[in-house]
Amino acid sequence: MVVFDHDGRVKKVVAFDHDGRVKKVVAFDHDGRVKKVAAFDHDGRIKKVVVFDHDGRVKKVAVFDHDGRVKKVFVFDHDGRVKKVAVFDHDGRVKKVFVFDHDGRVKKVAVFDHDGRVKKVFVFDHDGRVKKVAVFDHDGRVKKVFVFDHDGRVKEVVVFDHDGRAKKVVVFDHDGRAKKVVAFDHDGRAKKVAVFDHDVRRVKKMVAFDHDVSKRFSSSFIGYNAPTRS
């Protein structure tokens, strides 16, 4: 079956199987170029949709399950390489998104909760190692970011407040001991810096700032145990 627009141009072609069930629908743009192709299974349920750009290149592919719910969406760049893949649960809600670099390597993975809100984002380096993990609260606001070194050890943790502003940064050494903690005020200004002793894991210097960052006082002392990463 062929469907035409008001100017007599083909805008849709529907192909049927021997039992009269739709097996493919091809949609065209105003210039006669294919812009979308939908394929159906033997029961007439949609199983795949391919979307094309103005140059006839595939830019998106959606794959559906037996109940017609989307289960995966692939997004392609201008060179036909996959740049993003979204995976959905049985209720059609996104549960994971993979982002790829130009060489096809995963560079980012976002994990979502049952309500479709992001709960974690993993960032990878060129060798596939995790270099950063962001953790979000139930409202989708970032609450903590972990930064890793080349050996997979946590080297920095940034803690955020309910408004998404950094309130604390903890820097760790190679043995997982805190070597520096920076605390920020509500305006994102440093208000206190604690530096820890590498041997006894105790504070060896504290620097406090007032609202005028040019004014500060420092003190070298011991007696406060340094936190460890978890």
Protein backbone atom coordinates (compact mmCIF):
# COMPACT_ATOMS: atom_id res chain seq x y z
CA MET A 1 0.00 0.00 0.00
CA VAL A 2 1.30 3.44 -0.96
CA VAL A 3 0.22 6.64 0.80
CA PHE A 4 0.68 10.04 -0.92
CA ASP A 5 0.76 13.56 0.47
CA HIS A 6 -1.29 16.52 -0.82
CA ASP A 7 1.26 17.17 -3.56
CA GLY A 8 1.20 13.61 -4.86
CA ARG A 9 4.50 12.64 -3.35
CA VAL A 10 4.94 9.25 -1.74
CA LYS A 11 5.09 9.68 2.02
CA LYS A 12 4.57 6.11 3.18
CA VAL A 13 4.78 2.56 1.84
CA VAL A 14 3.27 -0.33 3.80
CA ALA A 15 4.22 -3.92 2.97
CA PHE A 16 2.10 -6.89 4.10
CA ASP A 17 2.78 -10.60 4.45
CA HIS A 18 0.73 -13.39 2.85
CA ASP A 19 -1.76 -13.26 5.72
CA GLY A 20 -2.37 -9.54 5.33
CA ARG A 21 -0.35 -8.52 8.36
CA VAL A 22 1.92 -5.50 8.22
CA LYS A 23 5.56 -6.53 8.02
CA LYS A 24 7.24 -3.25 7.06
CA VAL A 25 6.43 0.47 6.89
CA VAL A 26 8.71 2.91 5.07
CA ALA A 27 8.22 6.66 5.60
CA PHE A 28 9.64 9.31 3.25
CA ASP A 29 10.42 13.01 3.66
CA HIS A 30 9.33 15.81 1.29
CA ASP A 31 12.29 15.13 -0.99
CA GLY A 32 11.49 11.44 -1.39
CA ARG A 33 14.25 10.27 0.90
CA VAL A 34 13.65 7.43 3.34
CA LYS A 35 13.47 8.86 6.85
CA LYS A 36 12.15 5.90 8.81
CA VAL A 37 11.64 2.14 8.42
CA ALA A 38 9.60 0.07 10.87
CA ALA A 39 9.73 -3.75 10.78
CA PHE A 40 7.09 -6.01 12.36
CA ASP A 41 7.06 -9.66 13.45
CA HIS A 42 4.68 -12.42 12.32
CA ASP A 43 2.08 -11.29 14.83
CA GLY A 44 2.12 -7.71 13.58
CA ARG A 45 4.06 -6.40 16.58
CA ILE A 46 6.75 -3.84 15.97
CA LYS A 47 10.25 -5.24 16.44
CA LYS A 48 12.58 -2.60 14.99
CA VAL A 49 12.58 1.03 13.86
CA VAL A 50 15.42 2.57 11.87
CA VAL A 51 15.67 6.36 11.52
CA PHE A 52 17.78 7.97 8.78
CA ASP A 53 19.30 11.44 8.45
CA HIS A 54 19.03 13.71 5.39
CA ASP A 55 21.95 11.96 3.72
CA GLY A 56 20.42 8.51 4.06
CA ARG A 57 22.68 7.44 6.91
CA VAL A 58 21.30 5.51 9.85
CA LYS A 59 21.19 7.79 12.87
CA LYS A 60 19.05 5.76 15.27
CA VAL A 61 17.79 2.18 15.70
CA ALA A 62 15.18 1.15 18.26
CA VAL A 63 14.69 -2.53 19.09
CA PHE A 64 11.47 -3.76 20.74
CA ASP A 65 10.53 -6.83 22.78
CA HIS A 66 7.69 -9.28 22.06
CA ASP A 67 5.21 -6.97 23.77
CA GLY A 68 6.12 -4.00 21.62
CA ARG A 69 8.05 -2.21 24.34
CA VAL A 70 11.36 -0.60 23.48
CA LYS A 71 14.30 -2.50 24.97
CA LYS A 72 17.30 -0.87 23.26
CA VAL A 73 18.03 2.29 21.29
CA PHE A 74 21.25 2.75 19.31
CA VAL A 75 22.39 6.23 18.25
CA PHE A 76 24.99 6.59 15.48
CA ASP A 77 27.34 9.38 14.44
CA HIS A 78 27.86 10.69 10.89
CA ASP A 79 30.38 7.94 10.17
CA GLY A 80 28.00 5.16 11.14
CA ARG A 81 29.67 4.43 14.46
CA VAL A 82 27.62 3.75 17.56
CA LYS A 83 27.93 6.72 19.90
CA LYS A 84 25.21 5.88 22.42
CA VAL A 85 23.14 2.86 23.50
CA ALA A 86 20.17 3.10 25.85
CA VAL A 87 18.86 -0.06 27.56
CA PHE A 88 15.30 -0.18 28.92
CA ASP A 89 13.54 -2.39 31.48
CA HIS A 90 10.35 -4.42 30.98
CA ASP A 91 8.24 -1.34 31.65
CA GLY A 92 9.96 0.70 28.97
CA ARG A 93 11.91 2.82 31.45
CA VAL A 94 15.55 3.58 30.73
CA LYS A 95 17.85 1.69 33.09
CA LYS A 96 21.29 2.19 31.55
CA VAL A 97 22.93 4.40 28.91
CA PHE A 98 26.34 3.69 27.35
CA VAL A 99 28.29 6.48 25.62
CA PHE A 100 31.13 5.55 23.24
CA ASP A 101 34.14 7.45 21.90
CA HIS A 102 35.20 7.63 18.24
CA ASP A 103 37.09 4.36 18.55
CA GLY A 104 34.09 2.45 19.88
CA ARG A 105 35.29 2.36 23.47
CA VAL A 106 32.89 2.96 26.33
CA LYS A 107 33.65 6.35 27.83
CA LYS A 108 30.61 6.81 30.06
CA VAL A 109 27.83 4.68 31.58
CA ALA A 110 24.77 6.15 33.31
CA VAL A 111 22.66 3.91 35.56
CA PHE A 112 19.05 4.85 36.35
CA ASP A 113 16.60 3.86 39.09
CA HIS A 114 13.07 2.44 38.64
CA ASP A 115 11.68 5.94 38.19
CA GLY A 116 14.08 6.79 35.36
CA ARG A 117 16.25 9.06 37.48
CA VAL A 118 20.03 8.82 37.16
CA LYS A 119 21.62 7.26 40.22
CA LYS A 120 25.22 6.66 39.09
CA VAL A 121 27.49 7.76 36.25
CA PHE A 122 30.77 5.98 35.50
CA VAL A 123 33.45 7.71 33.41
CA PHE A 124 36.21 5.63 31.80
CA ASP A 125 39.65 6.43 30.41
CA HIS A 126 41.03 5.29 27.04
CA ASP A 127 42.11 1.97 28.54
CA GLY A 128 38.66 1.15 29.87
CA ARG A 129 39.52 1.92 33.48
CA VAL A 130 37.07 3.78 35.70
CA LYS A 131 38.41 7.26 36.35
CA LYS A 132 35.36 8.86 37.92
CA VAL A 133 32.05 7.80 39.51
CA ALA A 134 29.26 10.24 40.33
CA VAL A 135 26.51 9.21 42.76
CA PHE A 136 23.13 10.96 42.74
CA ASP A 137 20.30 11.23 45.26
CA HIS A 138 16.61 10.35 44.74
CA ASP A 139 15.98 13.73 43.14
CA GLY A 140 18.72 13.28 40.56
CA ARG A 141 21.12 15.69 42.27
CA VAL A 142 24.79 14.77 42.50
CA LYS A 143 25.77 14.01 46.08
CA LYS A 144 29.24 12.48 45.76
CA VAL A 145 31.97 12.09 43.11
CA PHE A 146 34.83 9.59 43.39
CA VAL A 147 37.99 10.16 41.33
CA PHE A 148 40.35 7.23 40.71
CA ASP A 149 44.00 6.95 39.75
CA HIS A 150 45.42 4.70 37.00
CA ASP A 151 45.58 1.77 39.41
CA GLY A 152 41.91 1.99 40.36
CA ARG A 153 42.51 3.56 43.76
CA VAL A 154 40.36 6.40 45.03
CA LYS A 155 42.44 9.56 44.98
CA GLU A 156 39.73 12.14 45.60
CA VAL A 157 36.15 12.33 46.87
CA VAL A 158 33.94 15.38 46.41
CA VAL A 159 30.83 15.66 48.59
CA PHE A 160 27.97 17.96 47.54
CA ASP A 161 25.10 19.59 49.41
CA HIS A 162 21.39 19.42 48.47
CA ASP A 163 21.84 22.30 46.03
CA GLY A 164 24.61 20.54 44.10
CA ARG A 165 27.40 22.69 45.54
CA ALA A 166 30.66 21.12 46.69
CA LYS A 167 30.87 21.16 50.48
CA LYS A 168 33.90 18.94 51.02
CA VAL A 169 36.84 17.51 49.06
CA VAL A 170 38.95 14.70 50.51
CA VAL A 171 42.28 13.85 48.86
CA PHE A 172 43.86 10.43 49.52
CA ASP A 173 47.37 9.05 49.23
CA HIS A 174 48.33 5.76 47.55
CA ASP A 175 47.57 3.81 50.71
CA GLY A 176 44.02 5.09 51.02
CA ARG A 177 44.77 7.57 53.80
CA ALA A 178 43.37 11.08 53.71
CA LYS A 179 46.14 13.60 53.16
CA LYS A 180 44.00 16.69 52.72
CA VAL A 181 40.43 17.79 53.40
CA VAL A 182 38.97 21.04 52.06
CA ALA A 183 35.63 22.29 53.39
CA PHE A 184 33.56 24.89 51.51
CA ASP A 185 30.88 27.35 52.55
CA HIS A 186 27.45 27.80 50.92
CA ASP A 187 28.96 30.07 48.27
CA GLY A 188 31.56 27.50 47.24
CA ARG A 189 34.43 29.29 48.95
CA ALA A 190 37.05 27.34 50.87
CA LYS A 191 36.54 27.85 54.60
CA LYS A 192 38.89 25.26 56.05
CA VAL A 193 41.79 23.08 54.87
CA ALA A 194 43.21 20.23 56.94
CA VAL A 195 46.49 18.57 55.98
CA PHE A 196 47.33 15.19 57.49
CA ASP A 197 50.58 13.55 58.54
CA HIS A 198 51.54 10.61 56.29
CA ASP A 199 52.94 8.54 59.13
CA VAL A 200 50.62 8.91 62.09
CA ARG A 201 47.56 9.88 60.06
CA ARG A 202 46.91 12.88 62.23
CA VAL A 203 46.28 16.51 61.34
CA LYS A 204 49.57 18.38 61.04
CA LYS A 205 48.20 21.66 59.72
CA MET A 206 44.85 23.43 59.68
CA VAL A 207 44.12 26.54 57.64
CA ALA A 208 40.85 28.40 58.21
CA PHE A 209 39.46 31.19 56.02
CA ASP A 210 36.92 33.87 56.84
CA HIS A 211 34.60 35.42 54.22
CA ASP A 212 37.52 37.51 53.02
CA VAL A 213 39.81 34.81 51.62
CA SER A 214 42.81 37.11 52.06
CA LYS A 215 42.40 36.72 55.83
CA ARG A 216 43.25 33.36 57.32
CA PHE A 217 44.97 31.70 60.21
CA SER A 218 46.87 28.44 60.33
CA SER A 219 48.02 26.13 63.05
CA SER A 220 50.25 23.08 63.13
CA PHE A 221 49.19 20.48 65.66
CA ILE A 222 48.54 16.79 66.25
CA GLY A 223 45.84 14.80 67.96
CA TYR A 224 43.11 14.46 65.30
CA ASN A 225 42.83 11.17 63.45
CA ALA A 226 42.50 11.36 59.68
CA PRO A 227 39.54 9.67 58.00
CA THR A 228 40.04 6.72 55.66
CA ARG A 229 38.24 6.15 52.39
CA SER A 230 35.47 3.57 52.21
